Amino acid sequence: MPKYGKIQMNCIDFNHSNNFMLVRFYHFIDTLKNSPARRNKLLLISQVLALVVNLILWGFLFWQMNRITAVTGSESNIPLHYNIYFGIDKYGPWYHSFILPLSGLIIWLMNVLIAFLIYSKKSLIAYFFTAASLLAQLILFIAAILIVLINI
């Protein structure tokens, strides 16, 4: 009889763990909704500006890759990276160029979440996260321009 009792005690209660995760998720969403960072205009403007730069980056790459694939063909590889020591050192399909705006979107999302969560405790660090988000979008946009320039 003790063997069965021990086995039952070691079983995982999946309903309890799912409910716990839902409670934690709703608490996280509630924390974001009630964050004082939502009332800070400087944080909101810089985050919206970073998102707009990211959306422009998506549109710019879509427009340019559409033009480049019309010339080179959609099946051919295009140069994706240039190094001053070795020249073009990475080739790939045209859709690999969209890794730049995707990584920018992930950086933006993570920085927004972190800035909103820590604003009430450390507002200066939240400003650094929003500035880093905008700076990362601008650097990725410059990298996208350079990718397009090596393909022209």
Protein backbone atom coordinates (compact mmCIF):
# COMPACT_ATOMS: atom_id res chain seq x y z
CA MET A 1 0.00 0.00 0.00
CA PRO A 2 2.75 2.59 0.69
CA LYS A 3 4.17 2.07 -2.83
CA TYR A 4 0.97 3.28 -4.44
CA GLY A 5 0.72 6.22 -2.09
CA LYS A 6 4.26 7.25 -2.92
CA ILE A 7 3.62 6.98 -6.65
CA GLN A 8 0.47 9.08 -6.38
CA MET A 9 2.32 11.78 -4.46
CA ASN A 10 4.99 12.02 -7.17
CA CYS A 11 2.43 12.40 -10.01
CA ILE A 12 2.13 15.83 -11.55
CA ASP A 13 -1.28 17.43 -11.37
CA PHE A 14 -1.56 18.94 -14.84
CA ASN A 15 -4.76 20.87 -14.08
CA HIS A 16 -3.10 22.61 -11.15
CA SER A 17 0.01 23.54 -13.16
CA ASN A 18 -2.08 24.88 -16.07
CA ASN A 19 -4.18 26.98 -13.70
CA PHE A 20 -1.03 28.30 -12.05
CA MET A 21 0.41 29.28 -15.42
CA LEU A 22 -2.83 31.04 -16.41
CA VAL A 23 -2.89 32.94 -13.15
CA ARG A 24 0.73 34.02 -13.67
CA PHE A 25 -0.02 35.05 -17.27
CA TYR A 26 -3.04 37.14 -16.26
CA HIS A 27 -1.01 38.72 -13.47
CA PHE A 28 1.69 39.60 -16.04
CA ILE A 29 -0.90 41.16 -18.39
CA ASP A 30 -2.42 43.08 -15.47
CA THR A 31 1.01 44.38 -14.51
CA LEU A 32 1.55 45.65 -18.06
CA LYS A 33 -1.88 47.28 -18.19
CA ASN A 34 -1.39 49.09 -14.88
CA SER A 35 2.21 50.13 -15.48
CA PRO A 36 2.91 53.82 -14.87
CA ALA A 37 5.05 53.72 -18.03
CA ARG A 38 1.84 53.90 -20.06
CA ARG A 39 1.45 57.51 -18.92
CA ASN A 40 5.00 58.56 -19.80
CA LYS A 41 4.90 60.33 -23.15
CA LEU A 42 8.65 60.12 -23.78
CA LEU A 43 8.66 56.34 -23.41
CA LEU A 44 5.59 55.92 -25.57
CA ILE A 45 6.84 58.23 -28.32
CA SER A 46 10.22 56.51 -28.53
CA GLN A 47 8.66 53.04 -28.59
CA VAL A 48 6.13 54.03 -31.25
CA LEU A 49 8.93 55.64 -33.26
CA ALA A 50 11.00 52.44 -33.00
CA LEU A 51 8.01 50.39 -34.16
CA VAL A 52 7.42 52.75 -37.09
CA VAL A 53 11.08 52.44 -38.12
CA ASN A 54 10.71 48.66 -37.96
CA LEU A 55 7.58 48.74 -40.13
CA ILE A 56 9.36 50.99 -42.63
CA LEU A 57 12.23 48.49 -42.63
CA TRP A 58 9.81 45.65 -43.48
CA GLY A 59 8.31 47.70 -46.32
CA PHE A 60 11.68 48.85 -47.65
CA LEU A 61 13.09 45.32 -47.76
CA PHE A 62 9.93 43.92 -49.33
CA TRP A 63 9.99 46.57 -52.03
CA GLN A 64 13.72 46.23 -52.74
CA MET A 65 13.78 42.41 -52.64
CA ASN A 66 10.83 42.35 -55.03
CA ARG A 67 12.85 44.52 -57.40
CA ILE A 68 16.06 42.50 -56.94
CA THR A 69 14.37 39.13 -57.47
CA ALA A 70 12.75 40.44 -60.65
CA VAL A 71 16.26 40.93 -62.05
CA THR A 72 18.11 37.94 -60.56
CA GLY A 73 15.25 35.44 -60.30
CA SER A 74 13.61 34.20 -57.15
CA GLU A 75 15.57 30.93 -57.04
CA SER A 76 19.06 32.43 -57.15
CA ASN A 77 21.13 33.33 -54.11
CA ILE A 78 21.96 36.94 -53.39
CA PRO A 79 24.83 38.46 -51.36
CA LEU A 80 23.76 38.95 -47.75
CA HIS A 81 27.00 40.02 -46.05
CA TYR A 82 30.05 42.00 -47.07
CA ASN A 83 33.36 42.01 -45.25
CA ILE A 84 36.15 44.46 -46.08
CA TYR A 85 38.78 41.73 -45.72
CA PHE A 86 37.15 38.97 -47.77
CA GLY A 87 34.51 40.76 -49.83
CA ILE A 88 31.13 39.08 -50.06
CA ASP A 89 31.29 36.20 -47.63
CA LYS A 90 27.67 35.12 -47.25
CA TYR A 91 25.14 34.22 -49.91
CA GLY A 92 21.60 33.07 -49.36
CA PRO A 93 18.05 33.19 -50.66
CA TRP A 94 16.41 36.59 -50.84
CA TYR A 95 14.05 35.90 -47.95
CA HIS A 96 16.99 35.56 -45.53
CA SER A 97 17.29 39.34 -45.68
CA PHE A 98 14.06 39.51 -43.65
CA ILE A 99 15.94 38.19 -40.62
CA LEU A 100 16.93 41.83 -39.96
CA PRO A 101 13.43 43.25 -39.45
CA LEU A 102 12.33 40.10 -37.62
CA SER A 103 15.19 40.40 -35.14
CA GLY A 104 14.38 44.11 -34.81
CA LEU A 105 10.78 43.28 -33.98
CA ILE A 106 11.88 40.78 -31.33
CA ILE A 107 14.30 43.34 -29.84
CA TRP A 108 11.54 45.95 -29.81
CA LEU A 109 9.06 43.62 -28.12
CA MET A 110 11.50 42.51 -25.45
CA ASN A 111 12.60 46.09 -24.71
CA VAL A 112 9.00 47.31 -24.45
CA LEU A 113 8.09 44.53 -22.03
CA ILE A 114 11.17 45.05 -19.87
CA ALA A 115 10.78 48.84 -19.85
CA PHE A 116 7.12 48.61 -18.83
CA LEU A 117 7.85 46.08 -16.09
CA ILE A 118 10.76 47.94 -14.48
CA TYR A 119 9.58 51.52 -14.94
CA SER A 120 8.00 51.80 -11.51
CA LYS A 121 11.23 50.66 -9.81
CA LYS A 122 13.97 52.07 -12.06
CA SER A 123 12.69 54.65 -14.53
CA LEU A 124 16.16 55.56 -15.82
CA ILE A 125 16.82 51.98 -16.92
CA ALA A 126 13.46 51.96 -18.72
CA TYR A 127 14.61 55.02 -20.68
CA PHE A 128 17.79 53.18 -21.65
CA PHE A 129 15.79 50.21 -22.90
CA THR A 130 13.59 52.42 -25.07
CA ALA A 131 16.60 54.29 -26.43
CA ALA A 132 18.35 50.99 -27.16
CA SER A 133 15.28 49.77 -29.00
CA LEU A 134 15.23 52.82 -31.24
CA LEU A 135 18.98 52.65 -31.80
CA ALA A 136 18.78 48.96 -32.73
CA GLN A 137 16.06 49.70 -35.30
CA LEU A 138 18.19 52.43 -36.88
CA ILE A 139 21.27 50.17 -37.04
CA LEU A 140 19.21 47.38 -38.62
CA PHE A 141 17.82 49.85 -41.16
CA ILE A 142 21.35 50.90 -42.11
CA ALA A 143 22.31 47.21 -42.44
CA ALA A 144 19.31 46.65 -44.72
CA ILE A 145 20.34 49.58 -46.91
CA LEU A 146 23.83 48.11 -47.21
CA ILE A 147 22.42 44.69 -48.16
CA VAL A 148 20.39 46.33 -50.90
CA LEU A 149 23.41 48.31 -52.10
CA ILE A 150 25.59 45.21 -52.52
CA ASN A 151 22.83 43.64 -54.61
CA ILE A 152 22.47 46.53 -57.06
